Amino acid sequence: MKSLLSLLLVVFSTACMAQSLDKVDCSTITISPQLDDCVKKQLKGSNIRLKNELEKFEKRTKQDYAADLKLGKARINKVKQAQKAWVKFRDLNCKVEAFEIEEGTAAHITTVNNCIIRMNAERINILEKL
């Protein structure tokens, strides 16, 4: 009974410490849960930047291929196909990177998220050059 009570206390206190990601202050990190929240916040921003870059690519392509809309659409479709494959690769690659860390732990999740953030930045650079 004591161990159940202790577990509930830990879960409840962790839940109380959790903040909305928008309110997370990452300027001074003092505890591991704060680091995990900051990485989650960075991941959210990274995914938004990746989505925005794909939208910019599509807009640029439509402008660049205004004279041949069919060719422009074909290019956009190829990049969308490549993006779907790349996301699968990224996600599996990041799981491999975190393989030696127990799955489901905060350390595993944070390691995977950091990998996704890094790979998203690389992909954004590639998309900017298209």
N, C-alpha and C. Protein backbone atom coordinates (compact mmCIF):
# COMPACT_ATOMS: atom_id res chain seq x y z
N MET A 1 0.82 -1.19 0.00
CA MET A 1 0.00 0.00 0.00
C MET A 1 0.87 1.26 0.00
N LYS A 2 1.97 1.23 0.78
CA LYS A 2 2.85 2.39 0.85
C LYS A 2 3.48 2.68 -0.51
N SER A 3 3.87 1.61 -1.22
CA SER A 3 4.50 1.82 -2.52
C SER A 3 3.49 2.36 -3.53
N LEU A 4 2.23 1.94 -3.44
CA LEU A 4 1.19 2.47 -4.31
C LEU A 4 0.96 3.94 -4.01
N LEU A 5 0.93 4.28 -2.74
CA LEU A 5 0.74 5.67 -2.34
C LEU A 5 1.92 6.53 -2.81
N SER A 6 3.13 6.00 -2.69
CA SER A 6 4.32 6.72 -3.14
C SER A 6 4.27 6.94 -4.65
N LEU A 7 3.87 5.90 -5.38
CA LEU A 7 3.77 6.02 -6.83
C LEU A 7 2.75 7.07 -7.22
N LEU A 8 1.60 7.06 -6.57
CA LEU A 8 0.57 8.06 -6.86
C LEU A 8 1.07 9.47 -6.54
N LEU A 9 1.82 9.61 -5.47
CA LEU A 9 2.37 10.91 -5.09
C LEU A 9 3.34 11.42 -6.16
N VAL A 10 4.19 10.52 -6.66
CA VAL A 10 5.15 10.90 -7.71
C VAL A 10 4.41 11.30 -8.98
N VAL A 11 3.43 10.49 -9.38
CA VAL A 11 2.67 10.78 -10.59
C VAL A 11 1.93 12.10 -10.45
N PHE A 12 1.30 12.33 -9.31
CA PHE A 12 0.55 13.55 -9.09
C PHE A 12 1.46 14.78 -9.08
N SER A 13 2.60 14.67 -8.40
CA SER A 13 3.51 15.82 -8.35
C SER A 13 4.10 16.13 -9.72
N THR A 14 4.38 15.09 -10.51
CA THR A 14 4.88 15.30 -11.87
C THR A 14 3.82 15.97 -12.72
N ALA A 15 2.59 15.54 -12.58
CA ALA A 15 1.49 16.14 -13.34
C ALA A 15 1.31 17.60 -12.96
N CYS A 16 1.48 17.92 -11.70
CA CYS A 16 1.35 19.30 -11.26
C CYS A 16 2.48 20.17 -11.80
N MET A 17 3.67 19.57 -11.97
CA MET A 17 4.81 20.33 -12.48
C MET A 17 4.70 20.58 -13.97
N ALA A 18 3.95 19.73 -14.66
CA ALA A 18 3.82 19.87 -16.12
C ALA A 18 3.13 21.19 -16.45
N GLN A 19 3.66 21.86 -17.44
CA GLN A 19 3.12 23.14 -17.87
C GLN A 19 2.74 23.03 -19.33
N SER A 20 1.96 24.00 -19.77
CA SER A 20 1.71 24.10 -21.19
C SER A 20 3.06 24.37 -21.86
N LEU A 21 3.30 23.71 -22.99
CA LEU A 21 4.59 23.88 -23.66
C LEU A 21 4.87 25.34 -24.00
N ASP A 22 3.82 26.10 -24.25
CA ASP A 22 4.01 27.51 -24.58
C ASP A 22 4.55 28.31 -23.40
N LYS A 23 4.32 27.83 -22.20
CA LYS A 23 4.73 28.55 -20.99
C LYS A 23 6.05 28.04 -20.42
N VAL A 24 6.65 27.05 -21.04
CA VAL A 24 7.89 26.47 -20.54
C VAL A 24 9.03 27.46 -20.72
N ASP A 25 9.75 27.73 -19.64
CA ASP A 25 10.91 28.63 -19.70
C ASP A 25 12.17 27.78 -19.84
N CYS A 26 12.80 27.86 -20.99
CA CYS A 26 13.98 27.04 -21.26
C CYS A 26 15.28 27.83 -21.08
N SER A 27 15.19 29.02 -20.53
CA SER A 27 16.40 29.83 -20.37
C SER A 27 17.30 29.28 -19.27
N THR A 28 16.72 28.69 -18.23
CA THR A 28 17.49 28.09 -17.15
C THR A 28 16.87 26.74 -16.81
N ILE A 29 17.57 25.68 -17.16
CA ILE A 29 17.07 24.34 -16.91
C ILE A 29 17.74 23.80 -15.66
N THR A 30 16.92 23.41 -14.69
CA THR A 30 17.47 22.94 -13.42
C THR A 30 17.11 21.49 -13.09
N ILE A 31 16.08 20.96 -13.72
CA ILE A 31 15.66 19.59 -13.44
C ILE A 31 15.35 18.86 -14.74
N SER A 32 15.47 17.55 -14.70
CA SER A 32 15.26 16.73 -15.91
C SER A 32 13.88 16.90 -16.55
N PRO A 33 12.80 16.93 -15.77
CA PRO A 33 11.50 17.13 -16.41
C PRO A 33 11.42 18.45 -17.19
N GLN A 34 12.13 19.46 -16.71
CA GLN A 34 12.15 20.74 -17.41
C GLN A 34 12.89 20.59 -18.75
N LEU A 35 13.98 19.83 -18.76
CA LEU A 35 14.72 19.56 -20.00
C LEU A 35 13.81 18.83 -20.98
N ASP A 36 13.10 17.83 -20.49
CA ASP A 36 12.19 17.07 -21.36
C ASP A 36 11.13 17.98 -21.96
N ASP A 37 10.56 18.88 -21.15
CA ASP A 37 9.54 19.82 -21.65
C ASP A 37 10.13 20.77 -22.68
N CYS A 38 11.37 21.21 -22.45
CA CYS A 38 12.01 22.13 -23.39
C CYS A 38 12.27 21.44 -24.73
N VAL A 39 12.68 20.18 -24.69
CA VAL A 39 12.90 19.43 -25.92
C VAL A 39 11.57 19.23 -26.65
N LYS A 40 10.51 18.95 -25.91
CA LYS A 40 9.18 18.81 -26.53
C LYS A 40 8.77 20.12 -27.19
N LYS A 41 9.06 21.24 -26.53
CA LYS A 41 8.74 22.55 -27.09
C LYS A 41 9.55 22.79 -28.37
N GLN A 42 10.83 22.44 -28.34
CA GLN A 42 11.67 22.59 -29.53
C GLN A 42 11.19 21.69 -30.66
N LEU A 43 10.75 20.48 -30.32
CA LEU A 43 10.23 19.56 -31.33
C LEU A 43 9.00 20.13 -32.00
N LYS A 44 8.11 20.69 -31.21
CA LYS A 44 6.90 21.30 -31.77
C LYS A 44 7.27 22.41 -32.75
N GLY A 45 8.20 23.27 -32.37
CA GLY A 45 8.65 24.34 -33.26
C GLY A 45 9.34 23.81 -34.49
N SER A 46 10.13 22.76 -34.33
CA SER A 46 10.85 22.16 -35.45
C SER A 46 9.88 21.58 -36.48
N ASN A 47 8.85 20.91 -36.00
CA ASN A 47 7.85 20.33 -36.91
C ASN A 47 7.07 21.43 -37.63
N ILE A 48 6.80 22.52 -36.95
CA ILE A 48 6.11 23.64 -37.58
C ILE A 48 6.99 24.25 -38.67
N ARG A 49 8.29 24.44 -38.38
CA ARG A 49 9.21 25.01 -39.38
C ARG A 49 9.33 24.09 -40.60
N LEU A 50 9.35 22.78 -40.37
CA LEU A 50 9.42 21.83 -41.48
C LEU A 50 8.17 21.92 -42.34
N LYS A 51 7.02 21.95 -41.71
CA LYS A 51 5.75 22.08 -42.44
C LYS A 51 5.72 23.39 -43.23
N ASN A 52 6.16 24.47 -42.61
CA ASN A 52 6.19 25.77 -43.29
C ASN A 52 7.13 25.76 -44.48
N GLU A 53 8.26 25.09 -44.35
CA GLU A 53 9.22 25.04 -45.47
C GLU A 53 8.66 24.24 -46.63
N LEU A 54 7.91 23.19 -46.33
CA LEU A 54 7.26 22.43 -47.40
C LEU A 54 6.23 23.30 -48.12
N GLU A 55 5.51 24.10 -47.37
CA GLU A 55 4.52 25.01 -47.99
C GLU A 55 5.22 26.06 -48.84
N LYS A 56 6.36 26.59 -48.37
CA LYS A 56 7.13 27.56 -49.14
C LYS A 56 7.64 26.93 -50.44
N PHE A 57 8.12 25.68 -50.34
CA PHE A 57 8.60 24.97 -51.53
C PHE A 57 7.48 24.86 -52.55
N GLU A 58 6.30 24.47 -52.09
CA GLU A 58 5.18 24.30 -53.00
C GLU A 58 4.82 25.63 -53.67
N LYS A 59 4.81 26.69 -52.90
CA LYS A 59 4.50 28.02 -53.45
C LYS A 59 5.55 28.45 -54.48
N ARG A 60 6.85 28.24 -54.14
CA ARG A 60 7.93 28.59 -55.08
C ARG A 60 7.80 27.80 -56.37
N THR A 61 7.49 26.51 -56.23
CA THR A 61 7.38 25.65 -57.41
C THR A 61 6.24 26.09 -58.31
N LYS A 62 5.11 26.45 -57.71
CA LYS A 62 3.97 26.91 -58.51
C LYS A 62 4.33 28.19 -59.27
N GLN A 63 5.12 29.06 -58.65
CA GLN A 63 5.55 30.29 -59.32
C GLN A 63 6.57 29.96 -60.41
N ASP A 64 7.54 29.11 -60.07
CA ASP A 64 8.61 28.78 -61.02
C ASP A 64 8.10 28.02 -62.23
N TYR A 65 7.04 27.25 -62.05
CA TYR A 65 6.51 26.43 -63.13
C TYR A 65 5.16 26.95 -63.63
N ALA A 66 4.95 28.24 -63.50
CA ALA A 66 3.68 28.83 -63.95
C ALA A 66 3.44 28.58 -65.44
N ALA A 67 4.51 28.51 -66.20
CA ALA A 67 4.38 28.28 -67.64
C ALA A 67 4.04 26.82 -67.96
N ASP A 68 4.34 25.92 -67.03
CA ASP A 68 4.05 24.50 -67.23
C ASP A 68 3.52 23.92 -65.92
N LEU A 69 2.26 24.17 -65.64
CA LEU A 69 1.65 23.77 -64.38
C LEU A 69 1.70 22.25 -64.15
N LYS A 70 1.57 21.49 -65.22
CA LYS A 70 1.61 20.04 -65.11
C LYS A 70 2.97 19.57 -64.59
N LEU A 71 4.04 20.14 -65.12
CA LEU A 71 5.39 19.79 -64.69
C LEU A 71 5.61 20.23 -63.23
N GLY A 72 5.11 21.41 -62.91
CA GLY A 72 5.24 21.89 -61.53
C GLY A 72 4.52 20.99 -60.55
N LYS A 73 3.34 20.55 -60.92
CA LYS A 73 2.56 19.65 -60.05
C LYS A 73 3.29 18.31 -59.90
N ALA A 74 3.90 17.84 -60.97
CA ALA A 74 4.66 16.58 -60.92
C ALA A 74 5.83 16.72 -59.94
N ARG A 75 6.51 17.86 -59.98
CA ARG A 75 7.64 18.10 -59.07
C ARG A 75 7.15 18.13 -57.62
N ILE A 76 6.06 18.82 -57.37
CA ILE A 76 5.50 18.89 -56.02
C ILE A 76 5.13 17.49 -55.53
N ASN A 77 4.50 16.69 -56.39
CA ASN A 77 4.11 15.33 -56.00
C ASN A 77 5.33 14.47 -55.68
N LYS A 78 6.40 14.61 -56.47
CA LYS A 78 7.62 13.84 -56.20
C LYS A 78 8.21 14.21 -54.84
N VAL A 79 8.23 15.51 -54.55
CA VAL A 79 8.78 15.95 -53.26
C VAL A 79 7.90 15.47 -52.12
N LYS A 80 6.58 15.48 -52.31
CA LYS A 80 5.67 14.97 -51.27
C LYS A 80 5.90 13.48 -51.02
N GLN A 81 6.11 12.72 -52.10
CA GLN A 81 6.41 11.29 -51.96
C GLN A 81 7.73 11.10 -51.21
N ALA A 82 8.73 11.88 -51.60
CA ALA A 82 10.03 11.80 -50.94
C ALA A 82 9.91 12.18 -49.47
N GLN A 83 9.09 13.18 -49.19
CA GLN A 83 8.92 13.64 -47.81
C GLN A 83 8.31 12.54 -46.94
N LYS A 84 7.31 11.86 -47.47
CA LYS A 84 6.69 10.75 -46.72
C LYS A 84 7.72 9.67 -46.41
N ALA A 85 8.53 9.33 -47.39
CA ALA A 85 9.57 8.32 -47.20
C ALA A 85 10.62 8.82 -46.21
N TRP A 86 10.97 10.10 -46.32
CA TRP A 86 11.97 10.67 -45.43
C TRP A 86 11.48 10.66 -43.99
N VAL A 87 10.21 10.98 -43.74
CA VAL A 87 9.66 10.97 -42.38
C VAL A 87 9.75 9.57 -41.78
N LYS A 88 9.43 8.55 -42.58
CA LYS A 88 9.56 7.17 -42.09
C LYS A 88 11.01 6.86 -41.75
N PHE A 89 11.93 7.26 -42.64
CA PHE A 89 13.36 7.06 -42.39
C PHE A 89 13.79 7.79 -41.13
N ARG A 90 13.40 9.06 -41.00
CA ARG A 90 13.78 9.87 -39.84
C ARG A 90 13.31 9.20 -38.55
N ASP A 91 12.06 8.80 -38.52
CA ASP A 91 11.51 8.22 -37.30
C ASP A 91 12.20 6.91 -36.93
N LEU A 92 12.45 6.05 -37.92
CA LEU A 92 13.16 4.80 -37.64
C LEU A 92 14.62 5.05 -37.26
N ASN A 93 15.26 5.98 -37.95
CA ASN A 93 16.64 6.31 -37.66
C ASN A 93 16.80 6.82 -36.23
N CYS A 94 15.85 7.64 -35.79
CA CYS A 94 15.93 8.19 -34.43
C CYS A 94 15.67 7.12 -33.38
N LYS A 95 14.84 6.13 -33.70
CA LYS A 95 14.65 5.01 -32.78
C LYS A 95 15.92 4.18 -32.68
N VAL A 96 16.63 4.04 -33.79
CA VAL A 96 17.91 3.34 -33.76
C VAL A 96 18.90 4.11 -32.90
N GLU A 97 18.91 5.43 -33.04
CA GLU A 97 19.83 6.26 -32.26
C GLU A 97 19.58 6.11 -30.76
N ALA A 98 18.34 5.88 -30.37
CA ALA A 98 17.99 5.75 -28.95
C ALA A 98 17.84 4.29 -28.52
N PHE A 99 18.29 3.37 -29.34
CA PHE A 99 18.04 1.95 -29.13
C PHE A 99 18.51 1.45 -27.76
N GLU A 100 19.64 1.91 -27.29
CA GLU A 100 20.21 1.38 -26.04
C GLU A 100 19.58 2.00 -24.79
N ILE A 101 18.63 2.90 -24.97
CA ILE A 101 17.94 3.51 -23.84
C ILE A 101 16.58 2.85 -23.71
N GLU A 102 16.18 2.53 -22.50
CA GLU A 102 14.91 1.81 -22.30
C GLU A 102 13.75 2.57 -22.92
N GLU A 103 13.05 1.89 -23.81
CA GLU A 103 11.93 2.50 -24.54
C GLU A 103 10.85 2.94 -23.56
N GLY A 104 10.29 4.12 -23.82
CA GLY A 104 9.22 4.65 -22.99
C GLY A 104 9.69 5.54 -21.86
N THR A 105 10.99 5.51 -21.56
CA THR A 105 11.51 6.37 -20.50
C THR A 105 11.67 7.79 -21.03
N ALA A 106 11.75 8.74 -20.09
CA ALA A 106 11.93 10.14 -20.48
C ALA A 106 13.23 10.31 -21.28
N ALA A 107 14.27 9.59 -20.88
CA ALA A 107 15.55 9.69 -21.60
C ALA A 107 15.42 9.20 -23.04
N HIS A 108 14.69 8.13 -23.24
CA HIS A 108 14.47 7.60 -24.59
C HIS A 108 13.69 8.59 -25.44
N ILE A 109 12.60 9.09 -24.89
CA ILE A 109 11.75 10.04 -25.61
C ILE A 109 12.53 11.31 -25.96
N THR A 110 13.31 11.82 -25.01
CA THR A 110 14.08 13.03 -25.24
C THR A 110 15.17 12.80 -26.29
N THR A 111 15.79 11.63 -26.26
CA THR A 111 16.82 11.31 -27.26
C THR A 111 16.21 11.24 -28.65
N VAL A 112 15.07 10.58 -28.77
CA VAL A 112 14.38 10.50 -30.07
C VAL A 112 13.98 11.89 -30.53
N ASN A 113 13.42 12.68 -29.63
CA ASN A 113 12.99 14.04 -29.99
C ASN A 113 14.17 14.91 -30.44
N ASN A 114 15.30 14.82 -29.73
CA ASN A 114 16.48 15.59 -30.14
C ASN A 114 16.96 15.17 -31.53
N CYS A 115 16.90 13.89 -31.81
CA CYS A 115 17.28 13.39 -33.13
C CYS A 115 16.34 13.94 -34.20
N ILE A 116 15.05 13.92 -33.93
CA ILE A 116 14.07 14.45 -34.90
C ILE A 116 14.32 15.92 -35.15
N ILE A 117 14.59 16.68 -34.10
CA ILE A 117 14.87 18.11 -34.24
C ILE A 117 16.09 18.32 -35.15
N ARG A 118 17.15 17.55 -34.91
CA ARG A 118 18.37 17.67 -35.71
C ARG A 118 18.11 17.30 -37.17
N MET A 119 17.41 16.20 -37.39
CA MET A 119 17.15 15.75 -38.75
C MET A 119 16.18 16.69 -39.47
N ASN A 120 15.21 17.25 -38.74
CA ASN A 120 14.31 18.23 -39.35
C ASN A 120 15.10 19.43 -39.86
N ALA A 121 16.07 19.90 -39.06
CA ALA A 121 16.88 21.05 -39.47
C ALA A 121 17.64 20.73 -40.76
N GLU A 122 18.17 19.51 -40.86
CA GLU A 122 18.87 19.11 -42.07
C GLU A 122 17.91 19.07 -43.27
N ARG A 123 16.72 18.55 -43.04
CA ARG A 123 15.73 18.45 -44.13
C ARG A 123 15.27 19.84 -44.56
N ILE A 124 15.09 20.74 -43.61
CA ILE A 124 14.68 22.12 -43.93
C ILE A 124 15.73 22.75 -44.85
N ASN A 125 17.01 22.54 -44.53
CA ASN A 125 18.08 23.08 -45.39
C ASN A 125 18.00 22.53 -46.81
N ILE A 126 17.69 21.26 -46.94
CA ILE A 126 17.56 20.64 -48.26
C ILE A 126 16.38 21.24 -49.01
N LEU A 127 15.24 21.36 -48.33
CA LEU A 127 14.04 21.90 -48.98
C LEU A 127 14.23 23.36 -49.39
N GLU A 128 14.97 24.12 -48.61
CA GLU A 128 15.23 25.53 -48.95
C GLU A 128 15.99 25.64 -50.27
N LYS A 129 16.80 24.65 -50.57
CA LYS A 129 17.63 24.69 -51.78
C LYS A 129 16.90 24.19 -53.02
N LEU A 130 15.75 23.56 -52.84
CA LEU A 130 14.99 23.05 -53.99
C LEU A 130 14.33 24.19 -54.74
